[in-house]
Protein backbone atom coordinates (compact mmCIF):
# COMPACT_ATOMS: atom_id res chain seq x y z
CA MET A 1 59.04 129.52 113.28
CA PRO A 2 62.35 130.74 111.85
CA THR A 3 65.15 131.62 114.22
CA SER A 4 65.73 135.31 114.69
CA PRO A 5 69.06 136.32 113.11
CA SER A 6 70.15 137.95 116.37
CA ILE A 7 69.76 134.85 118.56
CA PRO A 8 72.80 132.75 117.46
CA PRO A 9 75.34 135.57 117.99
CA VAL A 10 73.89 136.28 121.44
CA VAL A 11 74.06 132.60 122.42
CA LEU A 12 77.61 132.30 121.09
CA THR A 13 78.68 135.46 122.95
CA LEU A 14 77.19 134.19 126.21
CA LEU A 15 78.88 130.82 125.73
CA VAL A 16 82.28 132.44 125.15
CA LEU A 17 81.82 134.64 128.22
CA ALA A 18 80.83 131.65 130.35
CA LEU A 19 83.83 129.62 129.19
CA TRP A 20 86.33 132.48 128.99
CA HIS A 21 88.51 131.31 131.90
CA ALA A 22 87.68 127.63 131.61
CA PRO A 23 90.41 125.12 130.82
CA PHE A 24 90.79 123.86 127.24
CA GLN A 25 89.29 120.49 128.22
CA VAL A 26 86.01 122.18 129.13
CA TRP A 27 85.89 123.85 125.71
CA ILE A 28 86.37 120.43 124.09
CA GLU A 29 83.62 118.94 126.26
CA TRP A 30 81.22 121.73 125.22
CA LEU A 31 82.12 121.25 121.57
CA VAL A 32 81.56 117.49 121.77
CA ALA A 33 78.26 118.01 123.61
CA CYS A 34 77.06 120.52 120.98
CA LEU A 35 78.00 118.24 118.09
CA ALA A 36 76.36 115.25 119.81
CA GLY A 37 73.23 117.34 120.37
CA ILE A 38 73.11 118.39 116.72
CA ALA A 39 73.58 114.79 115.54
CA THR A 40 71.00 113.44 117.99
CA TRP A 41 68.43 116.08 117.08
CA THR A 42 68.95 115.48 113.35
CA LEU A 43 68.47 111.71 113.78
CA LEU A 44 65.44 112.19 116.04
CA GLU A 45 63.85 114.62 113.60
CA TYR A 46 64.35 112.16 110.75
CA VAL A 47 62.92 109.22 112.73
CA ILE A 48 59.86 111.21 113.81
CA HIS A 49 59.28 112.46 110.27
CA ARG A 50 59.79 109.10 108.59
CA TRP A 51 58.08 106.72 111.00
CA VAL A 52 55.57 108.80 112.93
CA LEU A 53 54.40 111.52 110.55
CA HIS A 54 54.25 109.22 107.52
CA ARG A 55 53.23 105.85 108.96
CA ILE A 56 50.78 106.53 111.79
CA GLN A 57 47.54 107.45 110.04
CA PHE A 58 46.36 110.01 112.61
CA PHE A 59 49.56 112.05 112.24
CA ALA A 60 49.96 111.32 108.51
CA THR A 61 46.63 113.03 107.80
CA MET A 62 47.82 116.23 109.50
CA HIS A 63 51.29 115.97 107.98
CA ASP A 64 49.92 115.67 104.42
CA LEU A 65 49.01 119.37 104.64
CA HIS A 66 52.73 120.11 104.78
CA HIS A 67 53.39 118.12 101.62
CA GLN A 68 50.52 119.82 99.80
CA GLY A 69 52.00 123.24 100.54
CA PRO A 70 55.64 122.89 101.73
CA GLU A 71 56.16 126.66 101.80
CA GLY A 72 53.10 127.28 103.96
CA PHE A 73 53.11 127.73 107.69
CA VAL A 74 51.87 124.21 108.39
CA GLY A 75 53.68 122.29 111.05
CA THR A 76 53.30 119.87 113.87
CA PRO A 77 50.53 120.92 116.24
CA THR A 78 51.78 122.43 119.48
CA TRP A 79 50.00 119.82 121.59
CA LEU A 80 51.90 117.07 119.76
CA SER A 81 55.27 118.78 120.15
CA LEU A 82 54.61 119.48 123.82
CA ALA A 83 53.55 115.89 124.48
CA ALA A 84 56.65 114.55 122.68
CA ILE A 85 58.96 116.82 124.69
CA CYS A 86 57.29 115.87 127.96
CA VAL A 87 57.36 112.12 127.25
CA GLY A 88 60.74 112.04 125.55
CA ALA A 89 62.72 114.46 127.70
CA LEU A 90 61.01 115.80 130.78
CA PHE A 91 59.44 112.58 132.06
CA PRO A 92 62.71 110.59 131.92
CA LEU A 93 64.55 113.44 133.68
CA TRP A 94 61.91 113.51 136.40
C-alpha cells in the first residue's frame, strides 16, 4: 500500500515539535537512529526478498505472482508479514 502524501509531513512536524527544546545531542541521536533504521530495514528487505521469497519453494510460488505482474497489487500475504513481525521484533522484545 503506498504511503499517503500527507503522512511524512505530519510525522516530521510531530518530531520537530517533540524535539523543539531538546539539546543538539538529542537531535543527532534521533538522526543516527533514523538513518540506522533506514539502513537496517533496507538490508532486511533485501535479505528477505533474496533468500526467503526466491529460495524457499513455498514462498517462491506466491512471490512469482509479483514477478509475473510487477505493477499489480500482489504482495506478501498479511499472515506472513504478521508472523515475521511477531517473530523478528515482538517476540525478542517480550
